[in-house]
């Protein structure tokens, strides 16, 4: 048992010092990350390759042209050396977008039915680029690894066998509801904030980020959503309220753009 706690203590000390070396851009939040940027880039590259093999990529010249114009301006505003930015349209009628570690951004064609102008597209791309430059993927993977380590140690230390499955289940639920989900919402809020700075810095109107989320609310109206504490994303209303508070700060900092 002492050996287990010794390993656990050393692991947490190691992760703490590695994490203290990492900070998010713009928000300057300290991060706990146990993956190197090189590992993260490689994982993003492999995931992108698999997606490109299995998902239909749109060749629509209009959609791709507007995406590339807006996305390149946002990437230039982010100014992160070493990232190989690529932007793709997935030919599916889905209202969503996502970004892989290292700068591979995918926008579903269905999202263009919600977006009304380039400024609103900049809000989407700014949010996704923010996830990448803030290294949210690597940070989340770190939390999952630590959660699994804590679950295994707790089950072995507390029960010794009889209740190990129940303890694993309980700690697994805590890992989801108590740790991973709230941190996912924190990542979303942080990506909203960083994305707002990026789009304003790139010369787009940050007020259009609010209009975008009102559009998203209209699309999702009537659809059942889980309570916010059981969701990986904040409610649309809370996002809009927070964006309203952040817009004056973004404009004051990047008005010249």
Foldseek 3Di string as FASTA:
>chain_A
DVVLVVVLVVVVVVQVVVQQVDAAPPVRHGFRFPDDLVRQQVVLVVVVVVCVVPFAWDPPVVVVVLLVVLLVLLVVLVPDPPADADETETADLDQDKAAGARHYIYGYPNVVVLDDDSLQVLLRSQLRVSCRRRVVVRRLVVLVVSLVSVLVCCLCPPPVPPCSVVSSVVSVVCSQLVPNQVVLQVSNLSSSLRSLLSSLLSPHQSVVNLVSLVSVCVVCPPPDDDPSSNHSHHDSVVSNVSSVVRRVVSCVVRVVD
